[in-house]
Amino acid sequence: MGNNFASLHQGLPDRLRCAFLTGWENSWRNLMMRAKYLLMWAQRIVYPDVFCIPYWLGWKCDFIRNGARFNLDNYDFILSELNAGVGHLDYLRELIKVHPEKIIILPGPPEIFESYATQEARGRAIWTLRKAGHIWAYSEEVAKFANDYAQKEVARLIPWPFDYAGTRHRGRNSEVNHHGEIRVLIGAPMRFVGIAENSPHFLEKCLAEALTSMVSAARERFKFYGMVYTQEDEIAWRQTEFGNRIGVLLEPRKRYLKFLRFVDSCDAVITLPRFSILGRITFIAAALGKPGIFTDNIELNRRLYPGSLASSPVDEKLRNLVHGLLCGLLSLGPVARFLPDAQAAQEIGNFSGNAAKVREMLCAEYSNQKHALLPNCQ
C-alpha cells in the first residue's frame, strides 16, 4: 500500500474517525440524513444498514455529500456503497487515487446495481473494486458479484451490525391481544412494481385457499397486515384491489422502533423477495422468535429459517407451506418447522462480538503487510 499508509497510521487516536459518502448531491438531503443517524446513535439505536457500521465499530463519522471537497488526512477510513451513478463513481475514483488504503467499499444487492448501471458505470465500478483498499460484503452472493466484476478475489465477508439482544429488548410490545386474533405480517414491504416485485397476488391466492379449508370461526381469527414503501406500490395496491379476498390491512410506514414492536405484535411473518437482499426483516422476525415463511435466495434466510423456505414467490410449494403455517398457528398442526434457528440468530446478532471480528480483521490485514497495527485491536 506504499508509504502513505505507514504515515497515516502513526499516532492514531484511540477512536478512529471516518467519513461516509452518502451518494447524495443535494446538501439539504445530506444534512437530513446526517441528522437522522446522529439522533439514532444518540438514542443508541443501531439499524442494521451500512450507515450504522461506523457506530457499530466505535468510530466517529461524518456524512459527506457527493462531490464535496474535504481533507482526506482528517480521516482514517472513507466508507461508501457501490452506487451506479457515474458522478459518484468518478468522485470515488479521485479519492482512491490519493489514498486507496483508506477506502472501504460496501456493495449492495447486485440486482439493484445492475438495474441502474450504464455500461460507463460498469466500467468505473470494475476499476473501483480493483483499486479500493477494502471491499466488504455481507453475503457470499454479494462477494461473488464483487469478485466477478473485479475478475479477482477482492471481497471480504464480514458480519453485519445485527443486534439480537437489542432487537429483543427494544422490540418488546406491551400491547396484549385480548381478542384471540392471529396476526400475520405478509411481504414487508409489498412490492408490485420494479425489480423488487414479490408476486403478492400469488401469496394472496395461497392464503385464501388455506383459509377456505377452515371453519368460519377459525378463518375469522386471522388478520393479515401489509406495508408499502413507495407511492407506486400503494397505487398498484389500490388499483388491483389486492388483499380484498383475505382482508389485508395496509399499515403505514413506521420508524424503526415502532416497526420492531409491530413485528412483535404479530404471530408470524411471511416475506418473499425475488432477489438477494440483506434480509433485515428475516433477522428481526428470528430475533423475536416469530414463525415464518421466506425464500431460499437469501443467505440469511437459509441460515435462520432452514425448514420453511420456498424457492421463489410463485413456488407451488408455497401452498403447502402457507396451509401448514396457518394450521400451526391454530394449534392444529406442528409449527416447529416454521420457527427460526435461535442459535444462528444469536450468532448473527452478536453485536459486540461481530464488531470485534471486523476490527481484528483490519488489524490482521495490516499486520500481514508488516505495517503498524491499529490501536486497541483487541
Protein backbone atom coordinates (compact mmCIF):
# COMPACT_ATOMS: atom_id res chain seq x y z
CA MET A 1 0.00 0.00 0.00
CA GLY A 2 3.01 2.27 -0.06
CA ASN A 3 4.36 4.85 2.33
CA ASN A 4 1.05 6.70 2.56
CA PHE A 5 -0.33 4.04 4.85
CA ALA A 6 2.66 3.99 7.20
CA SER A 7 2.50 7.73 7.71
CA LEU A 8 -1.28 7.70 8.01
CA HIS A 9 -1.36 5.28 10.93
CA GLN A 10 1.29 6.78 13.15
CA GLY A 11 -0.23 8.23 16.31
CA LEU A 12 -3.87 7.47 15.55
CA PRO A 13 -6.39 8.42 18.24
CA ASP A 14 -8.00 5.64 20.23
CA ARG A 15 -11.28 6.19 18.43
CA LEU A 16 -10.88 6.19 14.67
CA ARG A 17 -12.51 8.83 12.52
CA CYS A 18 -14.21 8.01 9.24
CA ALA A 19 -16.30 9.64 6.56
CA PHE A 20 -19.26 8.04 4.84
CA LEU A 21 -20.01 9.10 1.29
CA THR A 22 -23.78 9.23 1.14
CA GLY A 23 -24.09 9.45 -2.66
CA TRP A 24 -26.41 12.47 -2.34
CA GLU A 25 -25.54 15.67 -4.19
CA ASN A 26 -28.26 17.70 -2.54
CA SER A 27 -26.86 19.43 0.56
CA TRP A 28 -30.22 19.58 2.35
CA ARG A 29 -30.92 15.89 1.80
CA ASN A 30 -27.44 15.04 3.03
CA LEU A 31 -27.97 17.16 6.14
CA MET A 32 -31.28 15.42 6.89
CA MET A 33 -29.62 12.04 6.58
CA ARG A 34 -26.84 13.11 8.90
CA ALA A 35 -29.36 14.38 11.46
CA LYS A 36 -31.33 11.12 11.27
CA TYR A 37 -28.33 8.96 12.09
CA LEU A 38 -26.93 11.27 14.73
CA LEU A 39 -30.28 11.07 16.51
CA MET A 40 -30.32 7.28 16.22
CA TRP A 41 -26.81 6.99 17.60
CA ALA A 42 -27.65 9.35 20.47
CA GLN A 43 -30.57 7.03 21.28
CA ARG A 44 -28.23 4.02 20.97
CA ILE A 45 -30.29 2.62 18.12
CA VAL A 46 -28.42 0.65 15.50
CA TYR A 47 -30.49 0.00 12.40
CA PRO A 48 -28.70 -2.82 10.57
CA ASP A 49 -27.63 -0.96 7.45
CA VAL A 50 -24.38 0.35 6.02
CA PHE A 51 -24.72 3.79 7.57
CA CYS A 52 -24.64 2.35 11.10
CA ILE A 53 -21.38 0.45 10.54
CA PRO A 54 -19.19 3.29 11.94
CA TYR A 55 -21.19 3.44 15.16
CA TRP A 56 -21.12 -0.36 15.42
CA LEU A 57 -17.32 -0.34 15.13
CA GLY A 58 -16.92 2.52 17.60
CA TRP A 59 -15.76 5.05 15.00
CA LYS A 60 -16.56 8.72 14.76
CA CYS A 61 -18.24 9.51 11.47
CA ASP A 62 -19.08 12.43 9.18
CA PHE A 63 -21.58 12.08 6.35
CA ILE A 64 -20.27 13.70 3.17
CA ARG A 65 -22.30 14.54 0.08
CA ASN A 66 -21.22 13.60 -3.40
CA GLY A 67 -18.60 15.97 -4.82
CA ALA A 68 -17.83 17.76 -1.55
CA ARG A 69 -14.23 18.81 -1.00
CA PHE A 70 -12.56 17.66 2.21
CA ASN A 71 -9.13 16.77 3.54
CA LEU A 72 -8.54 13.02 3.42
CA ASP A 73 -5.83 13.36 6.05
CA ASN A 74 -8.56 14.19 8.59
CA TYR A 75 -9.97 10.66 8.28
CA ASP A 76 -8.69 7.16 8.90
CA PHE A 77 -11.23 5.50 6.60
CA ILE A 78 -13.70 6.52 3.90
CA LEU A 79 -16.76 4.29 3.51
CA SER A 80 -19.05 4.17 0.51
CA GLU A 81 -21.66 1.98 -1.11
CA LEU A 82 -21.15 0.98 -4.73
CA ASN A 83 -23.74 3.20 -6.36
CA ALA A 84 -24.48 3.06 -10.08
CA GLY A 85 -24.23 6.83 -10.64
CA VAL A 86 -21.27 7.80 -12.82
CA GLY A 87 -20.78 11.02 -10.84
CA HIS A 88 -20.49 9.11 -7.58
CA LEU A 89 -18.09 6.58 -9.08
CA ASP A 90 -15.92 9.37 -10.51
CA TYR A 91 -15.85 11.01 -7.08
CA LEU A 92 -14.75 7.73 -5.53
CA ARG A 93 -12.05 7.29 -8.14
CA GLU A 94 -10.45 10.63 -7.27
CA LEU A 95 -10.33 9.65 -3.60
CA ILE A 96 -8.93 6.20 -4.35
CA LYS A 97 -6.13 7.73 -6.41
CA VAL A 98 -4.97 9.67 -3.34
CA HIS A 99 -5.42 7.12 -0.53
CA PRO A 100 -6.61 3.69 -1.78
CA GLU A 101 -5.83 2.10 1.60
CA LYS A 102 -8.42 4.30 3.29
CA ILE A 103 -11.35 3.38 1.04
CA ILE A 104 -13.90 0.77 2.17
CA ILE A 105 -16.47 -0.18 -0.49
CA LEU A 106 -19.73 -1.87 0.56
CA PRO A 107 -21.50 -3.36 -2.49
CA GLY A 108 -25.23 -3.79 -2.14
CA PRO A 109 -27.59 -6.23 -3.85
CA PRO A 110 -26.18 -6.92 -7.34
CA GLU A 111 -29.66 -6.70 -8.90
CA ILE A 112 -30.08 -3.11 -7.75
CA PHE A 113 -26.72 -2.03 -9.16
CA GLU A 114 -27.29 -3.83 -12.45
CA SER A 115 -30.77 -2.39 -12.88
CA TYR A 116 -29.46 1.19 -12.83
CA ALA A 117 -25.89 0.93 -14.15
CA THR A 118 -24.96 2.02 -17.66
CA GLN A 119 -22.02 0.47 -19.50
CA GLU A 120 -19.99 3.51 -18.48
CA ALA A 121 -20.89 2.98 -14.82
CA ARG A 122 -19.99 -0.71 -15.01
CA GLY A 123 -16.53 0.15 -16.28
CA ARG A 124 -15.98 2.58 -13.43
CA ALA A 125 -17.26 0.03 -10.92
CA ILE A 126 -14.73 -2.53 -12.16
CA TRP A 127 -11.91 -0.02 -11.64
CA THR A 128 -13.22 0.91 -8.18
CA LEU A 129 -13.45 -2.69 -6.99
CA ARG A 130 -9.95 -3.43 -8.23
CA LYS A 131 -8.29 -0.35 -6.75
CA ALA A 132 -10.05 0.31 -3.42
CA GLY A 133 -8.22 -0.91 -0.34
CA HIS A 134 -11.14 -2.81 1.19
CA ILE A 135 -14.27 -4.46 -0.24
CA TRP A 136 -16.69 -5.65 2.46
CA ALA A 137 -19.56 -7.99 1.56
CA TYR A 138 -22.44 -9.12 3.78
CA SER A 139 -23.07 -12.39 1.93
CA GLU A 140 -21.46 -14.92 -0.39
CA GLU A 141 -23.66 -13.69 -3.25
CA VAL A 142 -22.50 -10.10 -2.88
CA ALA A 143 -18.87 -11.18 -2.53
CA LYS A 144 -19.16 -13.21 -5.75
CA PHE A 145 -20.65 -10.21 -7.53
CA ALA A 146 -17.70 -8.02 -6.47
CA ASN A 147 -15.11 -10.68 -7.33
CA ASP A 148 -16.67 -11.38 -10.72
CA TYR A 149 -16.70 -7.69 -11.57
CA ALA A 150 -13.09 -7.19 -10.48
CA GLN A 151 -12.08 -10.50 -12.08
CA LYS A 152 -10.08 -11.34 -8.98
CA GLU A 153 -10.64 -12.04 -5.28
CA VAL A 154 -11.21 -8.63 -3.71
CA ALA A 155 -14.16 -9.05 -1.34
CA ARG A 156 -14.00 -9.96 2.34
CA LEU A 157 -17.06 -11.36 4.06
CA ILE A 158 -17.92 -9.52 7.24
CA PRO A 159 -20.71 -9.92 9.78
CA TRP A 160 -23.33 -7.17 9.81
CA PRO A 161 -24.46 -4.86 12.64
CA PHE A 162 -27.35 -7.06 13.70
CA ASP A 163 -28.16 -6.92 17.40
CA TYR A 164 -30.01 -9.93 18.78
CA ALA A 165 -30.21 -8.74 22.39
CA GLY A 166 -31.02 -5.16 21.40
CA THR A 167 -33.74 -6.23 18.98
CA ARG A 168 -35.40 -8.39 21.61
CA HIS A 169 -35.14 -5.67 24.24
CA ARG A 170 -36.42 -2.82 22.08
CA GLY A 171 -38.95 -4.94 20.21
CA ARG A 172 -40.97 -5.91 23.25
CA ASN A 173 -44.58 -4.89 22.77
CA SER A 174 -46.64 -4.07 25.83
CA GLU A 175 -49.93 -4.48 23.94
CA VAL A 176 -51.81 -7.65 24.78
CA ASN A 177 -54.11 -9.32 22.28
CA HIS A 178 -57.41 -9.84 24.12
CA HIS A 179 -59.45 -10.98 21.14
CA GLY A 180 -57.80 -14.21 20.14
CA GLU A 181 -56.63 -12.70 16.85
CA ILE A 182 -53.82 -14.32 14.88
CA ARG A 183 -51.85 -11.53 13.22
CA VAL A 184 -49.71 -12.31 10.17
CA LEU A 185 -47.37 -9.77 8.55
CA ILE A 186 -47.06 -10.56 4.84
CA GLY A 187 -44.46 -9.31 2.38
CA ALA A 188 -42.94 -6.35 4.18
CA PRO A 189 -42.77 -4.41 2.02
CA MET A 190 -45.36 -5.50 -0.52
CA ARG A 191 -43.82 -4.72 -3.93
CA PHE A 192 -45.97 -4.61 -7.06
CA VAL A 193 -43.60 -2.76 -9.41
CA GLY A 194 -39.92 -2.69 -10.39
CA ILE A 195 -37.21 -5.27 -9.84
CA ALA A 196 -38.28 -5.87 -6.25
CA GLU A 197 -41.76 -7.10 -7.19
CA ASN A 198 -42.57 -10.07 -4.99
CA SER A 199 -45.77 -11.51 -6.55
CA PRO A 200 -48.15 -10.64 -3.71
CA HIS A 201 -51.17 -11.85 -5.69
CA PHE A 202 -49.91 -15.44 -5.72
CA LEU A 203 -49.31 -15.25 -1.99
CA GLU A 204 -52.84 -13.93 -1.50
CA LYS A 205 -54.18 -16.87 -3.52
CA CYS A 206 -52.30 -19.35 -1.32
CA LEU A 207 -53.59 -17.69 1.84
CA ALA A 208 -57.16 -17.61 0.53
CA GLU A 209 -57.06 -21.30 -0.32
CA ALA A 210 -55.73 -22.17 3.13
CA LEU A 211 -58.48 -20.14 4.79
CA THR A 212 -61.17 -21.78 2.65
CA SER A 213 -60.25 -25.16 4.12
CA MET A 214 -61.06 -23.93 7.65
CA VAL A 215 -64.28 -23.50 9.54
CA SER A 216 -65.55 -19.91 9.67
CA ALA A 217 -64.64 -19.42 13.34
CA ALA A 218 -61.01 -20.26 12.57
CA ARG A 219 -60.92 -18.07 9.44
CA GLU A 220 -62.20 -15.07 11.34
CA ARG A 221 -59.32 -15.22 13.80
CA PHE A 222 -56.76 -14.31 11.14
CA LYS A 223 -55.76 -10.70 10.48
CA PHE A 224 -53.27 -10.01 7.69
CA TYR A 225 -51.12 -6.90 7.53
CA GLY A 226 -49.03 -5.45 4.74
CA MET A 227 -46.91 -2.35 4.13
CA VAL A 228 -45.68 -0.48 1.06
CA TYR A 229 -42.62 1.78 0.85
CA THR A 230 -43.34 3.71 -2.35
CA GLN A 231 -46.24 5.65 -3.80
CA GLU A 232 -46.12 3.47 -6.93
CA ASP A 233 -46.66 0.34 -4.87
CA GLU A 234 -49.55 1.92 -2.97
CA ILE A 235 -51.22 2.93 -6.24
CA ALA A 236 -50.85 -0.63 -7.54
CA TRP A 237 -52.25 -1.96 -4.27
CA ARG A 238 -55.39 0.18 -4.66
CA GLN A 239 -55.85 -0.37 -8.39
CA THR A 240 -55.50 -4.15 -8.30
CA GLU A 241 -57.68 -4.48 -5.20
CA PHE A 242 -55.00 -6.59 -3.60
CA GLY A 243 -55.97 -8.16 -0.30
CA ASN A 244 -59.73 -7.98 -0.73
CA ARG A 245 -60.06 -11.79 -0.69
CA ILE A 246 -58.40 -12.14 2.70
CA GLY A 247 -58.91 -8.67 4.18
CA VAL A 248 -55.32 -7.42 4.19
CA LEU A 249 -54.88 -4.22 6.19
CA LEU A 250 -52.43 -1.64 4.84
CA GLU A 251 -50.22 -0.42 7.67
CA PRO A 252 -48.47 2.96 7.40
CA ARG A 253 -44.69 3.09 7.25
CA LYS A 254 -43.14 3.12 10.69
CA ARG A 255 -39.94 4.28 12.31
CA TYR A 256 -37.58 1.52 13.31
CA LEU A 257 -38.62 1.07 16.95
CA LYS A 258 -42.31 1.14 16.11
CA PHE A 259 -41.72 -1.38 13.37
CA LEU A 260 -39.91 -3.70 15.78
CA ARG A 261 -42.83 -3.54 18.19
CA PHE A 262 -45.31 -4.06 15.40
CA VAL A 263 -43.48 -7.23 14.29
CA ASP A 264 -43.52 -8.40 17.89
CA SER A 265 -47.29 -7.91 17.96
CA CYS A 266 -47.62 -10.30 15.01
CA ASP A 267 -47.78 -14.06 15.35
CA ALA A 268 -45.99 -14.88 12.09
CA VAL A 269 -44.11 -13.26 9.21
CA ILE A 270 -44.19 -14.17 5.50
CA THR A 271 -41.89 -12.24 3.16
CA LEU A 272 -40.81 -13.47 -0.26
CA PRO A 273 -38.29 -11.19 -2.01
CA ARG A 274 -37.22 -12.11 -5.53
CA PHE A 275 -33.56 -11.20 -5.22
CA SER A 276 -30.61 -11.30 -2.82
CA ILE A 277 -31.36 -8.51 -0.38
CA LEU A 278 -29.74 -8.35 3.05
CA GLY A 279 -32.72 -9.84 4.92
CA ARG A 280 -33.26 -7.40 7.79
CA ILE A 281 -36.90 -8.38 8.24
CA THR A 282 -35.90 -12.04 8.40
CA PHE A 283 -33.45 -11.26 11.20
CA ILE A 284 -35.98 -9.17 13.12
CA ALA A 285 -38.55 -11.98 12.89
CA ALA A 286 -35.96 -14.53 14.01
CA ALA A 287 -34.68 -12.43 16.91
CA LEU A 288 -38.26 -12.01 18.13
CA GLY A 289 -38.88 -15.74 17.77
CA LYS A 290 -41.61 -15.49 15.13
CA PRO A 291 -42.51 -18.44 12.88
CA GLY A 292 -42.38 -17.58 9.21
CA ILE A 293 -42.00 -18.43 5.55
CA PHE A 294 -39.21 -16.97 3.39
CA THR A 295 -37.48 -17.51 0.05
CA ASP A 296 -34.26 -19.51 -0.20
CA ASN A 297 -32.45 -16.99 -2.44
CA ILE A 298 -31.05 -15.10 0.56
CA GLU A 299 -28.19 -16.39 2.68
CA LEU A 300 -29.68 -15.03 5.89
CA ASN A 301 -33.00 -16.74 5.21
CA ARG A 302 -31.26 -20.08 4.69
CA ARG A 303 -29.42 -19.78 7.99
CA LEU A 304 -32.32 -18.58 10.10
CA TYR A 305 -35.32 -20.45 8.67
CA PRO A 306 -33.95 -23.64 7.05
CA GLY A 307 -37.21 -25.55 7.47
CA SER A 308 -39.69 -23.14 5.88
CA LEU A 309 -38.22 -21.90 2.60
CA ALA A 310 -39.72 -21.57 -0.87
CA SER A 311 -37.61 -21.27 -3.99
CA SER A 312 -39.49 -18.23 -5.29
CA PRO A 313 -42.53 -16.03 -4.60
CA VAL A 314 -44.53 -18.19 -7.03
CA ASP A 315 -43.24 -21.59 -5.93
CA GLU A 316 -46.11 -24.11 -5.82
CA LYS A 317 -44.57 -25.35 -2.58
CA LEU A 318 -45.97 -22.17 -1.01
CA ARG A 319 -49.45 -23.66 -0.94
CA ASN A 320 -48.44 -26.40 1.47
CA LEU A 321 -46.18 -24.09 3.48
CA VAL A 322 -48.90 -21.49 3.96
CA HIS A 323 -51.51 -24.11 4.88
CA GLY A 324 -49.11 -25.70 7.36
CA LEU A 325 -48.21 -22.38 8.97
CA LEU A 326 -51.81 -21.25 9.42
CA CYS A 327 -52.79 -24.62 10.87
CA GLY A 328 -49.82 -24.47 13.21
CA LEU A 329 -50.88 -21.01 14.41
CA LEU A 330 -54.29 -22.50 15.21
CA SER A 331 -52.55 -25.34 17.09
CA LEU A 332 -54.00 -27.77 14.54
CA GLY A 333 -50.61 -28.91 13.35
CA PRO A 334 -46.88 -28.72 14.08
CA VAL A 335 -45.31 -25.26 13.95
CA ALA A 336 -41.71 -26.22 14.79
CA ARG A 337 -40.51 -26.30 11.16
CA PHE A 338 -41.53 -22.63 10.80
CA LEU A 339 -39.58 -21.44 13.84
CA PRO A 340 -36.16 -19.76 13.49
CA ASP A 341 -32.84 -21.32 14.44
CA ALA A 342 -32.32 -19.49 17.73
CA GLN A 343 -28.62 -20.30 17.96
CA ALA A 344 -27.97 -18.98 14.45
CA ALA A 345 -29.92 -15.81 15.28
CA GLN A 346 -27.78 -15.22 18.37
CA GLU A 347 -24.57 -15.75 16.41
CA ILE A 348 -25.65 -13.44 13.59
CA GLY A 349 -26.79 -10.87 16.13
CA ASN A 350 -23.71 -10.99 18.38
CA PHE A 351 -23.38 -7.22 18.18
CA SER A 352 -20.17 -6.59 20.12
CA GLY A 353 -18.52 -9.89 19.19
CA ASN A 354 -19.03 -9.37 15.47
CA ALA A 355 -17.77 -5.79 15.67
CA ALA A 356 -14.61 -7.10 17.34
CA LYS A 357 -14.16 -9.61 14.49
CA VAL A 358 -14.20 -6.82 11.91
CA ARG A 359 -11.71 -4.74 13.86
CA GLU A 360 -9.45 -7.77 14.23
CA MET A 361 -9.75 -8.44 10.51
CA LEU A 362 -8.44 -4.96 9.75
CA CYS A 363 -5.61 -5.37 12.21
CA ALA A 364 -4.65 -8.72 10.72
CA GLU A 365 -4.55 -7.28 7.21
CA TYR A 366 -2.18 -4.56 8.26
CA SER A 367 -0.09 -6.90 10.39
CA ASN A 368 0.33 -9.32 7.49
CA GLN A 369 1.61 -6.49 5.36
CA LYS A 370 4.14 -5.61 8.07
CA HIS A 371 2.53 -2.27 8.82
CA ALA A 372 1.84 -0.90 12.29
CA LEU A 373 -1.22 -2.36 14.00
CA LEU A 374 -4.20 -0.15 14.60
CA PRO A 375 -4.50 0.89 18.26
CA ASN A 376 -6.89 -1.02 20.55
CA CYS A 377 -7.12 -4.02 18.23
CA GLN A 378 -8.17 -6.41 20.96
